[in-house]
Protein backbone atom coordinates (compact mmCIF):
# COMPACT_ATOMS: atom_id res chain seq x y z
CA MET A 1 -13.89 18.65 31.05
CA SER A 2 -12.52 17.28 27.78
CA ARG A 3 -13.87 13.94 26.60
CA VAL A 4 -11.98 11.33 24.61
CA THR A 5 -13.81 10.60 21.37
CA GLY A 6 -11.77 7.66 20.10
CA ILE A 7 -8.36 6.20 19.36
CA ASP A 8 -6.30 8.28 16.94
CA HIS A 9 -3.45 5.87 16.19
CA ILE A 10 -1.65 2.77 17.41
CA TYR A 11 2.05 2.14 16.81
CA LEU A 12 3.30 -1.42 16.41
CA THR A 13 7.04 -2.07 16.58
CA VAL A 14 8.05 -4.87 14.21
CA SER A 15 11.25 -6.88 13.84
CA ASP A 16 11.24 -6.94 10.02
CA LEU A 17 9.40 -4.03 8.41
CA ALA A 18 9.23 -5.56 4.91
CA ARG A 19 7.86 -8.89 6.22
CA SER A 20 5.30 -7.15 8.44
CA GLU A 21 4.29 -4.76 5.68
CA ALA A 22 3.54 -7.72 3.39
CA PHE A 23 1.45 -9.35 6.15
CA TYR A 24 -0.49 -6.18 7.05
CA ASP A 25 -1.06 -5.41 3.35
CA ARG A 26 -2.94 -8.72 3.16
CA ALA A 27 -4.67 -8.47 6.54
CA LEU A 28 -5.57 -4.78 6.74
CA VAL A 29 -5.73 -3.57 3.13
CA ALA A 30 -6.93 -6.62 1.20
CA ALA A 31 -9.13 -8.25 3.87
CA LEU A 32 -10.30 -5.27 5.95
CA GLY A 33 -10.31 -2.33 3.53
CA PHE A 34 -7.75 -0.07 5.23
CA ARG A 35 -5.80 2.43 3.15
CA LYS A 36 -2.03 2.81 3.33
CA ASN A 37 0.72 5.39 3.17
CA GLY A 38 4.28 5.74 4.38
CA PHE A 39 6.49 8.35 5.95
CA GLU A 40 9.89 8.79 7.53
CA LEU A 41 10.34 9.80 11.16
CA ALA A 42 13.74 10.31 12.81
CA GLY A 43 15.38 8.50 9.90
CA ASP A 44 13.15 5.43 10.18
CA ARG A 45 10.67 4.37 7.51
CA HIS A 46 7.14 3.96 8.89
CA VAL A 47 4.11 2.36 7.22
CA GLN A 48 0.64 3.64 8.15
CA TYR A 49 -2.62 1.77 7.62
CA TYR A 50 -5.72 3.82 8.25
CA CYS A 51 -9.47 3.66 8.16
CA ARG A 52 -12.00 6.41 8.67
CA HIS A 53 -11.51 6.41 12.45
CA TYR A 54 -7.84 5.70 13.30
CA GLY A 55 -4.43 4.62 12.06
CA ILE A 56 -2.16 1.67 12.75
CA VAL A 57 1.51 2.46 12.16
CA LEU A 58 4.37 -0.01 11.77
CA ARG A 59 7.80 1.14 12.86
CA PRO A 60 11.08 -0.79 12.91
CA ALA A 61 12.22 -2.33 16.19
CA ARG A 62 15.41 -1.19 17.87
CA SER A 63 15.98 -4.46 19.72
CA ALA A 64 15.44 -8.13 18.89
CA THR A 65 13.27 -9.12 21.85
CA ALA A 66 10.37 -11.36 20.82
CA HIS A 67 6.80 -10.26 21.55
CA ASP A 68 5.35 -11.80 24.71
CA SER A 69 1.62 -11.17 25.06
CA TYR A 70 1.78 -12.02 28.77
CA ALA A 71 4.62 -9.61 29.60
CA PRO A 72 3.76 -5.99 30.47
CA GLY A 73 2.62 -4.23 27.32
CA LEU A 74 0.13 -4.96 24.59
CA HIS A 75 -1.67 -8.30 24.96
CA HIS A 76 -3.67 -8.18 21.71
CA LEU A 77 -5.30 -5.80 19.26
CA CYS A 78 -8.99 -6.28 18.50
CA LEU A 79 -10.68 -4.62 15.54
CA ARG A 80 -14.45 -4.35 15.21
CA VAL A 81 -16.78 -4.90 12.29
CA ASP A 82 -20.51 -4.30 12.27
CA SER A 83 -22.04 -7.78 12.34
CA ILE A 84 -21.53 -11.50 12.88
CA GLU A 85 -21.77 -11.94 9.10
CA ASP A 86 -18.96 -9.41 8.70
CA VAL A 87 -16.76 -11.39 11.13
CA GLN A 88 -17.45 -14.52 9.08
CA ALA A 89 -16.59 -12.69 5.85
CA VAL A 90 -13.38 -11.22 7.31
CA ALA A 91 -12.23 -14.66 8.51
CA ALA A 92 -12.75 -16.02 4.98
CA ASP A 93 -11.07 -12.97 3.41
CA LEU A 94 -8.04 -13.27 5.70
CA ARG A 95 -7.60 -16.93 4.83
CA ARG A 96 -8.06 -16.17 1.12
CA GLU A 97 -5.22 -13.63 1.45
CA GLY A 98 -2.94 -16.28 3.00
CA VAL A 99 -3.34 -15.16 6.62
CA THR A 100 -3.73 -18.07 9.05
CA ALA A 101 -6.95 -16.97 10.76
CA SER A 102 -9.39 -19.04 12.78
CA GLU A 103 -12.87 -19.75 11.54
CA ALA A 104 -15.27 -17.13 12.85
CA ARG A 105 -16.72 -18.58 16.02
CA HIS A 106 -19.19 -17.79 18.75
CA CYS A 107 -17.42 -16.94 22.04
CA PRO A 108 -20.20 -16.83 24.69
CA GLU A 109 -17.56 -16.89 27.46
CA TYR A 110 -16.88 -13.23 26.55
CA ALA A 111 -20.47 -12.07 25.89
CA PRO A 112 -23.68 -13.76 24.71
CA ASP A 113 -23.41 -12.24 21.21
CA TYR A 114 -19.59 -12.28 20.86
CA TRP A 115 -18.21 -13.64 17.57
CA ALA A 116 -14.56 -13.41 16.54
CA THR A 117 -11.74 -14.58 14.34
CA PHE A 118 -8.18 -14.73 15.68
CA PHE A 119 -4.76 -14.54 13.99
CA GLU A 120 -1.15 -13.47 14.65
CA ASP A 121 1.24 -11.15 12.86
CA PRO A 122 4.79 -12.26 11.92
CA ASP A 123 6.13 -11.14 15.33
CA GLY A 124 3.48 -13.09 17.26
CA LEU A 125 1.23 -10.12 18.08
CA ARG A 126 -2.25 -11.50 18.62
CA LEU A 127 -4.98 -9.91 16.51
CA GLU A 128 -8.73 -10.33 16.60
CA VAL A 129 -11.76 -9.12 14.68
CA THR A 130 -15.09 -9.08 16.52
CA ASN A 131 -18.62 -7.90 15.90
CA TYR A 132 -20.25 -4.72 17.24
CA ARG A 133 -22.08 -6.28 20.15
CA ALA A 134 -25.26 -5.15 21.89
CA GLU A 135 -23.40 -4.06 25.04
CA ARG A 136 -21.01 -1.87 23.02
CA ARG A 137 -23.87 -0.37 21.02
CA ALA A 138 -25.80 0.41 24.21
CA ARG A 139 -22.70 1.96 25.79
CA HIS A 140 -22.31 4.22 22.75
CA ASP A 141 -26.00 5.13 22.42
CA ASP A 142 -26.72 5.64 26.14
CA TRP A 143 -23.53 7.46 27.12
């Protein structure tokens, strides 16, 4: 049986590619260390942000419907960093880059060692950065 080893890429459809590219340049490249490239697919310009493990691709929307995180579809996208200190640093880096991000905070309602910062992209997509928690580490190590 084949086993999934990770996420390869995530596509986000955006209403204004230039506006979203400027936002994700600040959030993903400047604050989180992603790299960036671009390509054309079916006549549409796409912008790809990537790290060592996966890519996040922006593509232009074909309709003007606003994002609704409680409608069927993507609710939010959560990225992971190694430690609580890294969450705190990312929150500060996001704000330094002009991204309206929450202070890093402890969220024991999710898990005893859960820390996160929260922010939204220009289309209202909810984003989060959390720490690599004990339960996730155990799941990985004891699989």
